[in-house]
Amino acid sequence: MHANHQHQCQAARCTRRGFTLIETALATVIVGTGVVAIVAAQQAFFRQNEWSTHASTAQRLGNEIREFTLHLPRHDPVTGQAFWGPESSELDVLDFDDLDDFDGEDGEGTVFSAALGSGPISALGDVFPDMAGWSQRVFVENIDPFEVTRTVADGASDLLRVRVIVEYQGPTDDAPREITRVTWIAPG
């Protein structure tokens, strides 16, 4: 019977069915391309998710400063506009009693940073734990009441603009990246 089957295959030019080397290579390329696409999509999703997480955290940290300063007067209750920045007795953020204290002594703003051990801070002035890499930089500027985009010298106007720049420096980052800014004009 086996000889008969062999004779029939030769007569009908019977071929063995299976995968050729080209078909196998093509299947490997198709499957490999699919795997690479899935990995790339996963990485893109991770980056997007990381950015949105950082953006929402940064917005929260900016608004914490806004809440902290919401009910503070623009200038010191005792010295008024005569002294800009924190007074000599105001050594801690909880000692700040007016908005211009947040501009710092040198006009470079006040930084609340995990790296410095001073922040970031909450609306109560407490340092948030476990926020390595995050910082809040606060600037207080006098602005022209007729052109609010123009800054004027400290004490030259009664209208103040507060800017909070929230930055994050991850473990692999060379420098901090600005994540968000929160800006408002202080109420009178």
N, C-alpha and C. Protein backbone atom coordinates (compact mmCIF):
# COMPACT_ATOMS: atom_id res chain seq x y z
N MET A 1 0.82 -1.18 0.00
CA MET A 1 0.00 0.00 0.00
C MET A 1 0.86 1.25 0.00
N HIS A 2 1.96 1.21 0.74
CA HIS A 2 2.85 2.36 0.81
C HIS A 2 3.48 2.65 -0.56
N ALA A 3 3.83 1.62 -1.27
CA ALA A 3 4.42 1.79 -2.59
C ALA A 3 3.41 2.37 -3.56
N ASN A 4 2.17 1.99 -3.39
CA ASN A 4 1.11 2.48 -4.25
C ASN A 4 0.90 3.97 -4.02
N HIS A 5 0.92 4.42 -2.76
CA HIS A 5 0.75 5.84 -2.43
C HIS A 5 1.92 6.65 -2.98
N GLN A 6 3.11 6.11 -2.87
CA GLN A 6 4.30 6.80 -3.37
C GLN A 6 4.20 6.96 -4.88
N HIS A 7 3.72 5.94 -5.57
CA HIS A 7 3.58 5.99 -7.01
C HIS A 7 2.55 7.04 -7.41
N GLN A 8 1.44 7.17 -6.62
CA GLN A 8 0.40 8.15 -6.93
C GLN A 8 0.91 9.57 -6.73
N CYS A 9 1.73 9.78 -5.69
CA CYS A 9 2.26 11.12 -5.43
C CYS A 9 3.19 11.55 -6.55
N GLN A 10 4.01 10.64 -7.06
CA GLN A 10 4.92 11.00 -8.13
C GLN A 10 4.15 11.31 -9.39
N ALA A 11 3.09 10.57 -9.62
CA ALA A 11 2.31 10.77 -10.83
C ALA A 11 1.54 12.11 -10.75
N ALA A 12 1.03 12.46 -9.63
CA ALA A 12 0.25 13.69 -9.48
C ALA A 12 1.11 14.86 -9.03
N ARG A 13 2.41 14.60 -8.91
CA ARG A 13 3.35 15.62 -8.43
C ARG A 13 2.90 16.17 -7.09
N CYS A 14 2.72 15.29 -6.21
CA CYS A 14 2.28 15.59 -4.84
C CYS A 14 3.42 16.28 -4.11
N THR A 15 3.12 17.39 -3.41
CA THR A 15 4.14 18.10 -2.62
C THR A 15 3.76 18.05 -1.17
N ARG A 16 4.75 18.10 -0.32
CA ARG A 16 4.49 18.12 1.12
C ARG A 16 4.07 19.54 1.50
N ARG A 17 3.06 19.65 2.31
CA ARG A 17 2.62 20.97 2.77
C ARG A 17 3.32 21.31 4.07
N GLY A 18 3.74 22.52 4.22
CA GLY A 18 4.42 23.01 5.41
C GLY A 18 4.84 24.45 5.15
N PHE A 19 5.52 25.05 6.11
CA PHE A 19 5.96 26.43 5.95
C PHE A 19 7.33 26.44 5.28
N THR A 20 7.47 27.31 4.32
CA THR A 20 8.78 27.50 3.71
C THR A 20 9.56 28.48 4.57
N LEU A 21 10.81 28.62 4.30
CA LEU A 21 11.66 29.55 5.04
C LEU A 21 11.19 30.99 4.85
N ILE A 22 10.74 31.32 3.68
CA ILE A 22 10.27 32.69 3.39
C ILE A 22 8.98 32.97 4.17
N GLU A 23 8.08 32.01 4.20
CA GLU A 23 6.84 32.20 4.96
C GLU A 23 7.12 32.36 6.45
N THR A 24 8.04 31.58 6.96
CA THR A 24 8.41 31.68 8.37
C THR A 24 9.04 33.04 8.68
N ALA A 25 9.92 33.51 7.81
CA ALA A 25 10.56 34.81 8.00
C ALA A 25 9.53 35.93 7.96
N LEU A 26 8.60 35.85 7.02
CA LEU A 26 7.56 36.87 6.91
C LEU A 26 6.67 36.88 8.15
N ALA A 27 6.29 35.73 8.64
CA ALA A 27 5.48 35.65 9.87
C ALA A 27 6.24 36.24 11.05
N THR A 28 7.53 35.98 11.13
CA THR A 28 8.36 36.52 12.22
C THR A 28 8.41 38.04 12.15
N VAL A 29 8.54 38.59 10.94
CA VAL A 29 8.57 40.05 10.78
C VAL A 29 7.23 40.66 11.19
N ILE A 30 6.14 40.06 10.80
CA ILE A 30 4.80 40.58 11.14
C ILE A 30 4.58 40.55 12.64
N VAL A 31 4.88 39.44 13.27
CA VAL A 31 4.70 39.32 14.72
C VAL A 31 5.64 40.28 15.44
N GLY A 32 6.89 40.38 14.99
CA GLY A 32 7.87 41.30 15.61
C GLY A 32 7.43 42.75 15.52
N THR A 33 6.88 43.13 14.36
CA THR A 33 6.38 44.50 14.19
C THR A 33 5.22 44.77 15.15
N GLY A 34 4.35 43.81 15.32
CA GLY A 34 3.25 43.96 16.26
C GLY A 34 3.72 44.12 17.69
N VAL A 35 4.72 43.34 18.08
CA VAL A 35 5.26 43.44 19.44
C VAL A 35 5.92 44.80 19.65
N VAL A 36 6.70 45.27 18.67
CA VAL A 36 7.35 46.58 18.78
C VAL A 36 6.29 47.69 18.89
N ALA A 37 5.22 47.58 18.11
CA ALA A 37 4.15 48.59 18.18
C ALA A 37 3.48 48.60 19.55
N ILE A 38 3.26 47.44 20.12
CA ILE A 38 2.64 47.37 21.45
C ILE A 38 3.56 47.98 22.50
N VAL A 39 4.86 47.69 22.42
CA VAL A 39 5.82 48.25 23.38
C VAL A 39 5.89 49.77 23.23
N ALA A 40 5.91 50.27 22.00
CA ALA A 40 5.96 51.73 21.77
C ALA A 40 4.69 52.40 22.29
N ALA A 41 3.55 51.78 22.08
CA ALA A 41 2.30 52.34 22.59
C ALA A 41 2.29 52.37 24.12
N GLN A 42 2.81 51.33 24.72
CA GLN A 42 2.89 51.27 26.19
C GLN A 42 3.79 52.37 26.73
N GLN A 43 4.93 52.60 26.08
CA GLN A 43 5.84 53.66 26.52
C GLN A 43 5.20 55.03 26.36
N ALA A 44 4.51 55.25 25.24
CA ALA A 44 3.84 56.53 25.03
C ALA A 44 2.76 56.76 26.09
N PHE A 45 2.02 55.72 26.40
CA PHE A 45 1.00 55.81 27.45
C PHE A 45 1.64 56.16 28.79
N PHE A 46 2.75 55.51 29.10
CA PHE A 46 3.44 55.77 30.37
C PHE A 46 3.91 57.22 30.45
N ARG A 47 4.52 57.73 29.36
CA ARG A 47 4.98 59.13 29.35
C ARG A 47 3.81 60.09 29.51
N GLN A 48 2.72 59.83 28.81
CA GLN A 48 1.55 60.71 28.89
C GLN A 48 0.95 60.66 30.29
N ASN A 49 0.87 59.51 30.87
CA ASN A 49 0.34 59.36 32.21
C ASN A 49 1.24 60.06 33.22
N GLU A 50 2.54 59.94 33.05
CA GLU A 50 3.49 60.61 33.95
C GLU A 50 3.32 62.12 33.85
N TRP A 51 3.20 62.65 32.63
CA TRP A 51 3.04 64.09 32.45
C TRP A 51 1.74 64.58 33.10
N SER A 52 0.65 63.87 32.90
CA SER A 52 -0.62 64.32 33.48
C SER A 52 -0.57 64.26 35.01
N THR A 53 0.10 63.27 35.55
CA THR A 53 0.25 63.18 37.00
C THR A 53 1.07 64.36 37.52
N HIS A 54 2.17 64.68 36.83
CA HIS A 54 2.99 65.82 37.23
C HIS A 54 2.22 67.13 37.08
N ALA A 55 1.46 67.27 36.01
CA ALA A 55 0.71 68.51 35.79
C ALA A 55 -0.32 68.73 36.88
N SER A 56 -1.03 67.69 37.28
CA SER A 56 -2.04 67.87 38.33
C SER A 56 -1.39 68.13 39.69
N THR A 57 -0.26 67.47 39.96
CA THR A 57 0.46 67.73 41.22
C THR A 57 0.97 69.17 41.25
N ALA A 58 1.52 69.63 40.13
CA ALA A 58 2.05 71.00 40.06
C ALA A 58 0.93 72.03 40.23
N GLN A 59 -0.19 71.79 39.61
CA GLN A 59 -1.32 72.73 39.75
C GLN A 59 -1.76 72.79 41.21
N ARG A 60 -1.79 71.67 41.84
CA ARG A 60 -2.17 71.63 43.26
C ARG A 60 -1.17 72.41 44.10
N LEU A 61 0.13 72.23 43.85
CA LEU A 61 1.16 72.93 44.63
C LEU A 61 1.10 74.44 44.40
N GLY A 62 0.81 74.86 43.18
CA GLY A 62 0.66 76.29 42.91
C GLY A 62 -0.53 76.88 43.65
N ASN A 63 -1.63 76.14 43.66
CA ASN A 63 -2.83 76.61 44.35
C ASN A 63 -2.69 76.57 45.86
N GLU A 64 -1.82 75.70 46.38
CA GLU A 64 -1.57 75.69 47.84
C GLU A 64 -0.98 77.03 48.27
N ILE A 65 -0.06 77.58 47.49
CA ILE A 65 0.52 78.91 47.81
C ILE A 65 -0.57 79.97 47.72
N ARG A 66 -1.40 79.88 46.71
CA ARG A 66 -2.48 80.86 46.56
C ARG A 66 -3.40 80.84 47.78
N GLU A 67 -3.76 79.65 48.21
CA GLU A 67 -4.61 79.53 49.40
C GLU A 67 -3.91 80.08 50.64
N PHE A 68 -2.62 79.81 50.75
CA PHE A 68 -1.85 80.26 51.91
C PHE A 68 -1.83 81.79 51.99
N THR A 69 -1.74 82.46 50.83
CA THR A 69 -1.59 83.91 50.80
C THR A 69 -2.91 84.66 50.62
N LEU A 70 -4.00 83.95 50.46
CA LEU A 70 -5.28 84.56 50.09
C LEU A 70 -5.72 85.69 51.02
N HIS A 71 -5.54 85.53 52.32
CA HIS A 71 -6.04 86.53 53.26
C HIS A 71 -4.94 87.43 53.83
N LEU A 72 -3.75 87.35 53.26
CA LEU A 72 -2.67 88.22 53.74
C LEU A 72 -2.80 89.61 53.13
N PRO A 73 -2.46 90.65 53.90
CA PRO A 73 -2.44 92.00 53.31
C PRO A 73 -1.30 92.09 52.30
N ARG A 74 -1.38 93.06 51.42
CA ARG A 74 -0.33 93.21 50.40
C ARG A 74 1.01 93.61 51.02
N HIS A 75 0.95 94.48 52.02
CA HIS A 75 2.18 95.00 52.63
C HIS A 75 2.11 94.83 54.14
N ASP A 76 3.26 94.95 54.76
CA ASP A 76 3.38 94.73 56.20
C ASP A 76 2.47 95.68 56.98
N PRO A 77 1.74 95.14 57.97
CA PRO A 77 0.83 95.98 58.76
C PRO A 77 1.55 97.08 59.52
N VAL A 78 2.83 96.90 59.86
CA VAL A 78 3.56 97.90 60.64
C VAL A 78 4.37 98.82 59.74
N THR A 79 5.20 98.26 58.86
CA THR A 79 6.12 99.07 58.05
C THR A 79 5.51 99.54 56.74
N GLY A 80 4.38 98.96 56.34
CA GLY A 80 3.75 99.34 55.07
C GLY A 80 4.65 99.00 53.89
N GLN A 81 4.75 99.93 52.93
CA GLN A 81 5.57 99.71 51.74
C GLN A 81 7.02 100.12 51.96
N ALA A 82 7.35 100.60 53.15
CA ALA A 82 8.71 101.07 53.41
C ALA A 82 9.73 99.94 53.33
N PHE A 83 9.32 98.72 53.59
CA PHE A 83 10.25 97.59 53.57
C PHE A 83 9.66 96.50 52.70
N TRP A 84 10.40 96.08 51.67
CA TRP A 84 9.93 95.05 50.74
C TRP A 84 10.63 93.74 51.06
N GLY A 85 9.89 92.67 51.07
CA GLY A 85 10.45 91.37 51.40
C GLY A 85 10.23 91.05 52.87
N PRO A 86 10.75 89.92 53.31
CA PRO A 86 10.53 89.55 54.72
C PRO A 86 11.33 90.45 55.66
N GLU A 87 10.71 90.85 56.75
CA GLU A 87 11.41 91.64 57.75
C GLU A 87 12.41 90.74 58.47
N SER A 88 13.35 91.34 59.17
CA SER A 88 14.43 90.58 59.80
C SER A 88 13.92 89.57 60.83
N SER A 89 12.77 89.82 61.41
CA SER A 89 12.22 88.90 62.41
C SER A 89 11.43 87.75 61.77
N GLU A 90 11.20 87.81 60.46
CA GLU A 90 10.43 86.80 59.76
C GLU A 90 11.37 85.77 59.15
N LEU A 91 11.70 84.76 59.94
CA LEU A 91 12.69 83.77 59.54
C LEU A 91 12.06 82.54 58.90
N ASP A 92 10.79 82.33 59.10
CA ASP A 92 10.10 81.14 58.63
C ASP A 92 8.84 81.56 57.88
N VAL A 93 8.37 80.73 56.97
CA VAL A 93 7.18 81.06 56.20
C VAL A 93 5.97 81.32 57.11
N LEU A 94 5.92 80.67 58.24
CA LEU A 94 4.81 80.90 59.16
C LEU A 94 4.88 82.28 59.81
N ASP A 95 6.05 82.94 59.74
CA ASP A 95 6.19 84.30 60.25
C ASP A 95 5.76 85.35 59.22
N PHE A 96 5.64 84.97 57.96
CA PHE A 96 5.28 85.93 56.91
C PHE A 96 3.88 86.47 57.20
N ASP A 97 3.77 87.81 57.24
CA ASP A 97 2.49 88.41 57.57
C ASP A 97 1.93 89.29 56.46
N ASP A 98 2.59 89.26 55.29
CA ASP A 98 2.09 90.02 54.14
C ASP A 98 2.64 89.42 52.85
N LEU A 99 2.04 89.80 51.73
CA LEU A 99 2.43 89.22 50.44
C LEU A 99 3.85 89.56 50.02
N ASP A 100 4.29 90.80 50.27
CA ASP A 100 5.62 91.15 49.78
C ASP A 100 6.73 90.35 50.47
N ASP A 101 6.44 89.71 51.60
CA ASP A 101 7.43 88.84 52.26
C ASP A 101 7.82 87.66 51.36
N PHE A 102 6.92 87.25 50.48
CA PHE A 102 7.17 86.10 49.62
C PHE A 102 8.11 86.40 48.46
N ASP A 103 8.41 87.68 48.25
CA ASP A 103 9.31 88.01 47.14
C ASP A 103 10.77 87.79 47.52
N GLY A 104 11.04 87.55 48.77
CA GLY A 104 12.42 87.32 49.17
C GLY A 104 13.18 88.63 49.32
N GLU A 105 14.35 88.52 49.87
CA GLU A 105 15.16 89.72 50.12
C GLU A 105 15.81 90.27 48.86
N ASP A 106 16.12 89.40 47.90
CA ASP A 106 16.87 89.83 46.73
C ASP A 106 15.99 90.00 45.48
N GLY A 107 14.68 89.87 45.63
CA GLY A 107 13.79 90.00 44.49
C GLY A 107 13.78 88.77 43.59
N GLU A 108 14.48 87.74 43.97
CA GLU A 108 14.54 86.51 43.18
C GLU A 108 13.46 85.52 43.59
N GLY A 109 12.56 85.95 44.41
CA GLY A 109 11.49 85.07 44.84
C GLY A 109 11.90 84.23 46.02
N THR A 110 10.93 83.58 46.57
CA THR A 110 11.15 82.67 47.68
C THR A 110 10.94 81.26 47.16
N VAL A 111 11.87 80.37 47.50
CA VAL A 111 11.80 79.00 47.02
C VAL A 111 11.47 78.07 48.17
N PHE A 112 10.45 77.25 47.96
CA PHE A 112 10.09 76.20 48.89
C PHE A 112 10.39 74.89 48.17
N SER A 113 11.41 74.19 48.62
CA SER A 113 11.91 73.05 47.87
C SER A 113 12.23 71.87 48.78
N ALA A 114 11.96 70.68 48.29
CA ALA A 114 12.33 69.47 49.02
C ALA A 114 13.85 69.38 49.14
N ALA A 115 14.56 69.82 48.11
CA ALA A 115 16.03 69.77 48.14
C ALA A 115 16.60 70.67 49.23
N LEU A 116 15.92 71.79 49.50
CA LEU A 116 16.37 72.72 50.54
C LEU A 116 15.79 72.38 51.91
N GLY A 117 14.82 71.46 51.92
CA GLY A 117 14.15 71.09 53.17
C GLY A 117 13.08 72.07 53.60
N SER A 118 12.74 73.01 52.71
CA SER A 118 11.76 74.04 53.07
C SER A 118 10.42 73.85 52.39
N GLY A 119 10.23 72.79 51.66
CA GLY A 119 8.97 72.65 50.95
C GLY A 119 8.93 71.40 50.11
N PRO A 120 8.01 71.35 49.22
CA PRO A 120 6.96 72.34 48.97
C PRO A 120 6.00 72.43 50.16
N ILE A 121 5.30 73.58 50.22
CA ILE A 121 4.45 73.81 51.39
C ILE A 121 2.98 73.73 51.03
N SER A 122 2.19 73.47 52.06
CA SER A 122 0.74 73.39 51.92
C SER A 122 0.11 74.75 52.19
N ALA A 123 -1.20 74.83 52.07
CA ALA A 123 -1.94 76.06 52.36
C ALA A 123 -1.86 76.45 53.83
N LEU A 124 -1.41 75.53 54.68
CA LEU A 124 -1.23 75.82 56.10
C LEU A 124 0.22 76.19 56.44
N GLY A 125 1.10 76.15 55.42
CA GLY A 125 2.50 76.46 55.64
C GLY A 125 3.34 75.26 56.06
N ASP A 126 2.72 74.09 56.10
CA ASP A 126 3.45 72.88 56.47
C ASP A 126 4.17 72.32 55.25
N VAL A 127 5.33 71.71 55.50
CA VAL A 127 6.08 71.08 54.41
C VAL A 127 5.43 69.74 54.08
N PHE A 128 5.17 69.53 52.79
CA PHE A 128 4.64 68.24 52.34
C PHE A 128 5.75 67.19 52.45
N PRO A 129 5.47 66.06 53.08
CA PRO A 129 6.49 64.99 53.12
C PRO A 129 6.52 64.23 51.80
N ASP A 130 7.63 63.58 51.54
CA ASP A 130 7.77 62.67 50.39
C ASP A 130 7.49 63.35 49.05
N MET A 131 7.99 64.55 48.86
CA MET A 131 7.80 65.24 47.58
C MET A 131 9.17 65.61 46.99
N ALA A 132 10.07 64.65 47.00
CA ALA A 132 11.41 64.87 46.46
C ALA A 132 11.32 65.33 45.01
N GLY A 133 12.14 66.32 44.67
CA GLY A 133 12.20 66.83 43.31
C GLY A 133 11.29 68.01 43.04
N TRP A 134 10.34 68.28 43.92
CA TRP A 134 9.37 69.35 43.70
C TRP A 134 9.80 70.65 44.36
N SER A 135 9.48 71.77 43.72
CA SER A 135 9.74 73.07 44.33
C SER A 135 8.69 74.07 43.87
N GLN A 136 8.46 75.06 44.74
CA GLN A 136 7.56 76.18 44.45
C GLN A 136 8.41 77.45 44.54
N ARG A 137 8.41 78.24 43.49
CA ARG A 137 9.15 79.51 43.48
C ARG A 137 8.11 80.63 43.38
N VAL A 138 8.12 81.53 44.37
CA VAL A 138 7.09 82.57 44.46
C VAL A 138 7.71 83.93 44.19
N PHE A 139 7.09 84.68 43.29
CA PHE A 139 7.49 86.04 42.97
C PHE A 139 6.33 86.98 43.24
N VAL A 140 6.63 88.12 43.84
CA VAL A 140 5.61 89.14 44.07
C VAL A 140 6.12 90.40 43.39
N GLU A 141 5.30 90.95 42.49
CA GLU A 141 5.72 92.09 41.69
C GLU A 141 4.69 93.21 41.78
N ASN A 142 5.18 94.42 41.82
CA ASN A 142 4.30 95.58 41.69
C ASN A 142 4.00 95.73 40.20
N ILE A 143 2.75 96.02 39.89
CA ILE A 143 2.38 96.19 38.49
C ILE A 143 1.66 97.52 38.30
N ASP A 144 1.75 98.00 37.09
CA ASP A 144 1.10 99.25 36.71
C ASP A 144 -0.41 99.01 36.71
N PRO A 145 -1.18 99.80 37.46
CA PRO A 145 -2.63 99.58 37.52
C PRO A 145 -3.34 99.83 36.18
N PHE A 146 -2.69 100.54 35.26
CA PHE A 146 -3.30 100.83 33.97
C PHE A 146 -2.82 99.89 32.87
N GLU A 147 -1.75 99.12 33.17
CA GLU A 147 -1.22 98.13 32.23
C GLU A 147 -0.66 96.97 33.05
N VAL A 148 -1.52 96.03 33.38
CA VAL A 148 -1.17 94.99 34.35
C VAL A 148 -0.09 94.02 33.86
N THR A 149 0.29 94.11 32.61
CA THR A 149 1.37 93.26 32.11
C THR A 149 2.75 93.89 32.36
N ARG A 150 2.76 95.14 32.82
CA ARG A 150 4.02 95.85 33.03
C ARG A 150 4.34 95.93 34.52
N THR A 151 5.54 95.48 34.87
CA THR A 151 5.97 95.58 36.27
C THR A 151 6.59 96.94 36.51
N VAL A 152 6.47 97.39 37.74
CA VAL A 152 7.09 98.64 38.16
C VAL A 152 7.95 98.35 39.38
N ALA A 153 8.71 99.33 39.83
CA ALA A 153 9.62 99.15 40.96
C ALA A 153 8.85 98.76 42.23
N ASP A 154 9.53 98.01 43.10
CA ASP A 154 8.93 97.61 44.37
C ASP A 154 8.44 98.85 45.12
N GLY A 155 7.20 98.81 45.56
CA GLY A 155 6.62 99.91 46.32
C GLY A 155 6.08 101.03 45.45
N ALA A 156 6.25 100.96 44.11
CA ALA A 156 5.81 102.04 43.23
C ALA A 156 4.32 101.94 42.88
N SER A 157 3.68 100.87 43.25
CA SER A 157 2.27 100.68 42.94
C SER A 157 1.61 99.95 44.11
N ASP A 158 0.32 100.11 44.20
CA ASP A 158 -0.41 99.40 45.25
C ASP A 158 -1.01 98.10 44.72
N LEU A 159 -0.78 97.81 43.45
CA LEU A 159 -1.32 96.61 42.83
C LEU A 159 -0.21 95.56 42.70
N LEU A 160 -0.47 94.35 43.19
CA LEU A 160 0.54 93.30 43.19
C LEU A 160 0.09 92.11 42.35
N ARG A 161 1.07 91.52 41.67
CA ARG A 161 0.85 90.27 40.95
C ARG A 161 1.72 89.21 41.62
N VAL A 162 1.14 88.06 41.88
CA VAL A 162 1.87 86.95 42.49
C VAL A 162 1.99 85.85 41.43
N ARG A 163 3.21 85.37 41.24
CA ARG A 163 3.47 84.26 40.33
C ARG A 163 4.09 83.12 41.12
N VAL A 164 3.57 81.93 40.93
CA VAL A 164 4.15 80.73 41.53
C VAL A 164 4.57 79.83 40.38
N ILE A 165 5.84 79.52 40.33
CA ILE A 165 6.37 78.60 39.31
C ILE A 165 6.66 77.30 40.03
N VAL A 166 6.03 76.24 39.58
CA VAL A 166 6.22 74.93 40.18
C VAL A 166 7.11 74.11 39.25
N GLU A 167 8.20 73.58 39.82
CA GLU A 167 9.17 72.82 39.05
C GLU A 167 9.33 71.42 39.62
N TYR A 168 9.77 70.54 38.74
CA TYR A 168 10.05 69.16 39.16
C TYR A 168 11.37 68.72 38.54
N GLN A 169 12.21 68.09 39.36
CA GLN A 169 13.46 67.51 38.87
C GLN A 169 13.47 66.04 39.28
N GLY A 170 13.27 65.18 38.29
CA GLY A 170 13.27 63.74 38.52
C GLY A 170 14.67 63.21 38.74
N PRO A 171 14.78 61.96 39.12
CA PRO A 171 16.09 61.37 39.41
C PRO A 171 17.02 61.35 38.20
N THR A 172 16.49 61.33 36.99
CA THR A 172 17.34 61.28 35.80
C THR A 172 17.44 62.63 35.10
N ASP A 173 16.78 63.65 35.62
CA ASP A 173 16.81 64.98 34.99
C ASP A 173 18.07 65.73 35.39
N ASP A 174 18.63 66.47 34.42
CA ASP A 174 19.82 67.28 34.69
C ASP A 174 19.48 68.55 35.46
N ALA A 175 18.30 69.07 35.21
CA ALA A 175 17.89 70.33 35.85
C ALA A 175 16.38 70.27 36.08
N PRO A 176 15.88 71.13 36.97
CA PRO A 176 14.43 71.16 37.19
C PRO A 176 13.69 71.63 35.94
N ARG A 177 12.50 71.06 35.71
CA ARG A 177 11.65 71.46 34.59
C ARG A 177 10.45 72.20 35.14
N GLU A 178 10.12 73.31 34.51
CA GLU A 178 8.91 74.01 34.91
C GLU A 178 7.72 73.19 34.46
N ILE A 179 6.82 72.91 35.40
CA ILE A 179 5.64 72.12 35.08
C ILE A 179 4.43 73.04 34.90
N THR A 180 4.28 74.03 35.77
CA THR A 180 3.15 74.95 35.64
C THR A 180 3.46 76.28 36.31
N ARG A 181 2.64 77.26 35.98
CA ARG A 181 2.66 78.57 36.63
C ARG A 181 1.24 78.92 37.06
N VAL A 182 1.16 79.47 38.23
CA VAL A 182 -0.12 79.98 38.71
C VAL A 182 0.10 81.46 39.00
N THR A 183 -0.69 82.32 38.38
CA THR A 183 -0.52 83.77 38.51
C THR A 183 -1.86 84.41 38.86
N TRP A 184 -1.79 85.38 39.75
CA TRP A 184 -3.01 86.13 40.09
C TRP A 184 -2.64 87.52 40.53
N ILE A 185 -3.63 88.41 40.46
CA ILE A 185 -3.45 89.78 40.96
C ILE A 185 -4.06 89.80 42.34
N ALA A 186 -3.28 90.28 43.29
CA ALA A 186 -3.73 90.30 44.69
C ALA A 186 -4.88 91.27 44.86
N PRO A 187 -5.92 90.83 45.53
CA PRO A 187 -7.05 91.74 45.75
C PRO A 187 -6.65 92.89 46.67
N GLY A 188 -7.35 93.99 46.50
CA GLY A 188 -7.02 95.20 47.26
C GLY A 188 -7.53 95.19 48.66
